[in-house]
């Protein structure tokens, strides 16, 4: 690289840095929420927008955080002379999110042994992210999750109370007498749903309603 090119690149880099170090950007940063689950450390604007903002003595800032990408923020800025400026920015920061502790395959039930809470870069988080542990085995992963990947509700579905292939008990109440048979679930389902089951002894197939994780009832 020639000395001339080196000097030009250094000059551009210095100008870019100078454009980001302004009281206005500090004001934008201070307007962003800080919680026990998230914090913002930097607001990034292009040089052109920063130059426009530098002419504004800010009196009010209204940030609007992108609900799916929290590192993207739109600002409505009111200057003391009455002028308003609308701008968009990227931000740096961290979010305390539930992440996969190791590689999780699709249909894995989430619990305290395979998930953990970690501070992750805000740019890695998408959608309705989780800031606390979920109930053990209440949700299953709807896709494969990588180790350390932030988990959001789009990755989850409610886990079935009974899963296909489970061996459970089917009960019927006749004249106050409870009769039970061992069956195999042929479908997934949650409490209250009717699923197809198979009698393990006779092989006959019939429908029964899920009562809990170990029992279905014949009505």
Protein backbone atom coordinates (compact mmCIF):
# COMPACT_ATOMS: atom_id res chain seq x y z
CA UNK A 1 0.00 0.00 0.00
CA UNK A 2 1.42 3.42 -0.94
CA UNK A 3 2.02 6.10 1.74
CA UNK A 4 -0.60 8.29 0.05
CA UNK A 5 -3.28 5.61 0.31
CA UNK A 6 -2.30 4.92 3.90
CA UNK A 7 -2.67 8.58 4.83
CA UNK A 8 -6.05 8.80 3.05
CA UNK A 9 -7.40 5.70 4.85
CA UNK A 10 -6.15 6.95 8.19
CA UNK A 11 -7.84 10.30 7.57
CA UNK A 12 -11.15 8.62 6.68
CA UNK A 13 -10.96 6.45 9.81
CA UNK A 14 -10.30 9.49 12.02
CA UNK A 15 -13.20 11.38 10.48
CA UNK A 16 -15.52 8.42 10.98
CA UNK A 17 -14.48 8.14 14.64
CA UNK A 18 -14.86 11.86 15.21
CA UNK A 19 -18.34 11.73 13.71
CA UNK A 20 -19.43 9.16 16.29
CA UNK A 21 -18.02 10.98 19.32
CA UNK A 22 -20.63 13.71 19.81
CA UNK A 23 -22.79 14.87 22.75
CA UNK A 24 -25.85 14.20 20.57
CA UNK A 25 -24.99 10.51 20.28
CA UNK A 26 -24.49 10.38 24.04
CA UNK A 27 -27.98 11.83 24.43
CA UNK A 28 -29.44 9.18 22.13
CA UNK A 29 -27.66 6.46 24.10
CA UNK A 30 -28.95 7.83 27.42
CA UNK A 31 -32.52 7.71 26.11
CA UNK A 32 -32.38 3.94 25.66
CA UNK A 33 -33.73 1.75 28.49
CA UNK A 34 -31.38 -0.02 30.88
CA UNK A 35 -32.83 -3.01 32.71
CA UNK A 36 -31.61 -6.06 34.59
CA UNK A 37 -31.97 -7.95 31.30
CA UNK A 38 -30.44 -5.54 28.79
CA UNK A 39 -28.23 -2.52 28.32
CA UNK A 40 -27.01 -0.44 25.37
CA UNK A 41 -23.38 0.55 25.11
CA UNK A 42 -23.16 2.38 21.78
CA UNK A 43 -25.28 4.09 19.11
CA UNK A 44 -23.95 3.91 15.56
CA UNK A 45 -24.91 6.38 12.81
CA UNK A 46 -23.43 7.00 9.42
CA UNK A 47 -21.31 10.12 8.98
CA UNK A 48 -23.98 11.96 7.03
CA UNK A 49 -26.68 11.46 9.70
CA UNK A 50 -24.24 12.30 12.47
CA UNK A 51 -23.35 15.57 10.74
CA UNK A 52 -27.06 16.45 10.44
CA UNK A 53 -27.64 15.65 14.11
CA UNK A 54 -24.61 17.70 15.20
CA UNK A 55 -26.49 20.86 14.20
CA UNK A 56 -29.34 20.02 16.59
CA UNK A 57 -29.40 21.08 20.24
CA UNK A 58 -31.56 18.25 21.49
CA UNK A 59 -34.51 18.94 23.79
CA UNK A 60 -36.35 15.61 23.49
CA UNK A 61 -35.67 12.08 22.22
CA UNK A 62 -38.20 9.33 21.63
CA UNK A 63 -36.60 5.93 20.84
CA UNK A 64 -38.52 3.08 19.24
CA UNK A 65 -36.80 -0.29 19.52
CA UNK A 66 -37.42 -2.87 16.80
CA UNK A 67 -39.43 -5.65 18.46
CA UNK A 68 -37.72 -8.40 16.47
CA UNK A 69 -34.21 -6.92 16.31
CA UNK A 70 -33.50 -4.99 19.53
CA UNK A 71 -30.17 -3.68 18.16
CA UNK A 72 -32.10 -1.64 15.57
CA UNK A 73 -33.56 1.57 16.96
CA UNK A 74 -35.47 4.46 15.37
CA UNK A 75 -35.23 7.86 17.05
CA UNK A 76 -37.54 10.87 16.82
CA UNK A 77 -35.42 13.84 17.89
CA UNK A 78 -36.78 17.29 18.74
CA UNK A 79 -34.32 20.18 18.65
CA UNK A 80 -34.61 23.26 20.86
CA UNK A 81 -35.35 25.37 17.77
CA UNK A 82 -38.45 23.24 17.10
CA UNK A 83 -36.95 21.22 14.26
CA UNK A 84 -37.55 17.46 14.31
CA UNK A 85 -35.28 14.74 12.96
CA UNK A 86 -36.19 11.10 12.40
CA UNK A 87 -33.31 8.67 12.07
CA UNK A 88 -32.49 4.98 12.33
CA UNK A 89 -29.44 3.45 13.94
CA UNK A 90 -27.69 0.24 14.83
CA UNK A 91 -26.60 -0.21 18.42
CA UNK A 92 -24.21 -2.28 20.48
CA UNK A 93 -25.22 -3.81 23.76
CA UNK A 94 -25.94 -7.00 25.66
CA UNK A 95 -29.06 -8.95 26.53
CA UNK A 96 -29.40 -11.56 29.26
CA UNK A 97 -31.13 -14.32 27.37
CA UNK A 98 -31.89 -17.99 27.76
CA UNK A 99 -29.50 -19.94 25.51
CA UNK A 100 -28.92 -23.56 24.58
CA UNK A 101 -26.24 -25.01 26.87
CA UNK A 102 -25.28 -27.52 24.18
CA UNK A 103 -26.53 -28.59 20.76
CA UNK A 104 -30.24 -29.36 21.04
CA UNK A 105 -32.04 -31.43 18.47
CA UNK A 106 -35.55 -30.69 17.25
CA UNK A 107 -38.24 -31.93 19.69
CA UNK A 108 -35.86 -31.80 22.67
CA UNK A 109 -37.68 -30.82 25.87
CA UNK A 110 -36.16 -27.70 27.45
CA UNK A 111 -35.15 -27.75 31.10
CA UNK A 112 -32.52 -26.46 33.55
CA UNK A 113 -29.97 -29.05 32.43
CA UNK A 114 -29.86 -28.07 28.75
CA UNK A 115 -30.43 -24.29 28.94
CA UNK A 116 -28.82 -21.42 30.84
CA UNK A 117 -29.00 -17.62 31.14
CA UNK A 118 -26.11 -15.70 29.54
CA UNK A 119 -25.26 -12.17 28.48
CA UNK A 120 -25.14 -12.26 24.68
CA UNK A 121 -24.53 -9.61 22.00
CA UNK A 122 -27.73 -7.77 21.19
CA UNK A 123 -27.17 -8.38 17.47
CA UNK A 124 -27.50 -12.15 18.09
CA UNK A 125 -31.00 -11.84 19.53
CA UNK A 126 -34.12 -12.12 17.38
CA UNK A 127 -37.81 -12.17 18.17
CA UNK A 128 -39.40 -12.62 21.59
CA UNK A 129 -36.32 -13.67 23.52
CA UNK A 130 -36.55 -15.33 26.95
CA UNK A 131 -35.07 -13.57 29.98
CA UNK A 132 -35.77 -16.35 32.49
CA UNK A 133 -35.89 -20.12 32.70
CA UNK A 134 -39.00 -21.82 31.34
CA UNK A 135 -40.80 -24.56 33.24
CA UNK A 136 -38.88 -27.81 32.95
CA UNK A 137 -40.13 -29.91 30.03
CA UNK A 138 -43.01 -27.52 29.28
CA UNK A 139 -41.63 -26.58 25.84
CA UNK A 140 -39.93 -28.48 23.04
CA UNK A 141 -37.58 -27.08 20.40
CA UNK A 142 -39.21 -26.77 16.99
CA UNK A 143 -35.80 -26.78 15.27
CA UNK A 144 -32.18 -27.71 15.97
CA UNK A 145 -30.48 -25.18 18.27
CA UNK A 146 -26.74 -24.53 18.38
CA UNK A 147 -24.77 -24.34 21.63
CA UNK A 148 -24.97 -20.77 22.96
CA UNK A 149 -27.81 -19.79 20.61
CA UNK A 150 -30.30 -17.33 22.18
CA UNK A 151 -33.73 -18.95 22.42
CA UNK A 152 -36.91 -17.11 21.47
CA UNK A 153 -40.55 -18.16 21.45
CA UNK A 154 -40.37 -18.80 17.71
CA UNK A 155 -38.03 -21.71 18.47
CA UNK A 156 -40.51 -23.35 20.86
CA UNK A 157 -43.81 -25.15 21.01
CA UNK A 158 -45.74 -26.47 23.99
CA UNK A 159 -44.54 -29.98 24.72
CA UNK A 160 -47.14 -32.73 24.34
CA UNK A 161 -48.39 -34.25 27.59
CA UNK A 162 -48.25 -37.65 25.92
CA UNK A 163 -45.94 -38.51 23.03
CA UNK A 164 -46.42 -41.04 20.28
CA UNK A 165 -44.93 -44.39 21.28
CA UNK A 166 -45.37 -43.94 25.03
CA UNK A 167 -46.88 -46.85 26.95
CA UNK A 168 -49.58 -45.54 29.28
CA UNK A 169 -52.77 -46.64 31.01
CA UNK A 170 -56.27 -46.32 29.54
CA UNK A 171 -59.06 -46.22 32.10
CA UNK A 172 -62.82 -46.49 31.87
CA UNK A 173 -65.32 -45.94 34.66
CA UNK A 174 -68.37 -48.19 34.43
CA UNK A 175 -70.93 -48.20 37.27
CA UNK A 176 -68.32 -46.66 39.60
CA UNK A 177 -65.89 -49.44 38.75
CA UNK A 178 -62.61 -48.37 37.14
CA UNK A 179 -61.22 -50.69 34.50
CA UNK A 180 -57.72 -50.14 33.15
CA UNK A 181 -55.71 -51.54 30.26
CA UNK A 182 -52.17 -50.92 29.07
CA UNK A 183 -52.01 -49.06 25.75
CA UNK A 184 -49.50 -47.40 23.43
CA UNK A 185 -50.08 -43.82 22.28
CA UNK A 186 -50.23 -43.59 18.50
CA UNK A 187 -50.32 -39.77 18.48
CA UNK A 188 -48.94 -36.80 20.43
CA UNK A 189 -51.40 -34.77 22.48
CA UNK A 190 -51.95 -32.45 25.43
CA UNK A 191 -54.36 -32.72 28.37
CA UNK A 192 -57.97 -32.74 27.17
CA UNK A 193 -57.18 -33.82 23.63
CA UNK A 194 -58.43 -37.12 22.20
CA UNK A 195 -55.76 -39.32 20.63
CA UNK A 196 -55.55 -42.72 19.01
CA UNK A 197 -54.17 -45.53 21.22
CA UNK A 198 -53.57 -49.25 20.80
CA UNK A 199 -54.32 -51.98 23.33
CA UNK A 200 -50.97 -53.66 24.02
CA UNK A 201 -52.56 -57.05 24.64
CA UNK A 202 -55.26 -57.30 21.95
CA UNK A 203 -53.82 -54.91 19.37
CA UNK A 204 -57.16 -53.14 19.00
CA UNK A 205 -57.05 -49.41 18.21
CA UNK A 206 -59.44 -46.87 19.73
CA UNK A 207 -59.63 -43.23 20.84
CA UNK A 208 -59.16 -41.92 24.37
CA UNK A 209 -58.86 -38.52 26.06
CA UNK A 210 -55.60 -37.49 27.73
CA UNK A 211 -56.02 -37.09 31.50
CA UNK A 212 -52.34 -36.67 32.44
CA UNK A 213 -48.92 -37.85 31.28
CA UNK A 214 -49.61 -41.45 32.30
CA UNK A 215 -53.34 -41.89 31.80
CA UNK A 216 -56.00 -41.57 29.12
CA UNK A 217 -59.69 -42.07 29.70
CA UNK A 218 -62.23 -43.95 27.57
CA UNK A 219 -65.56 -42.16 27.35
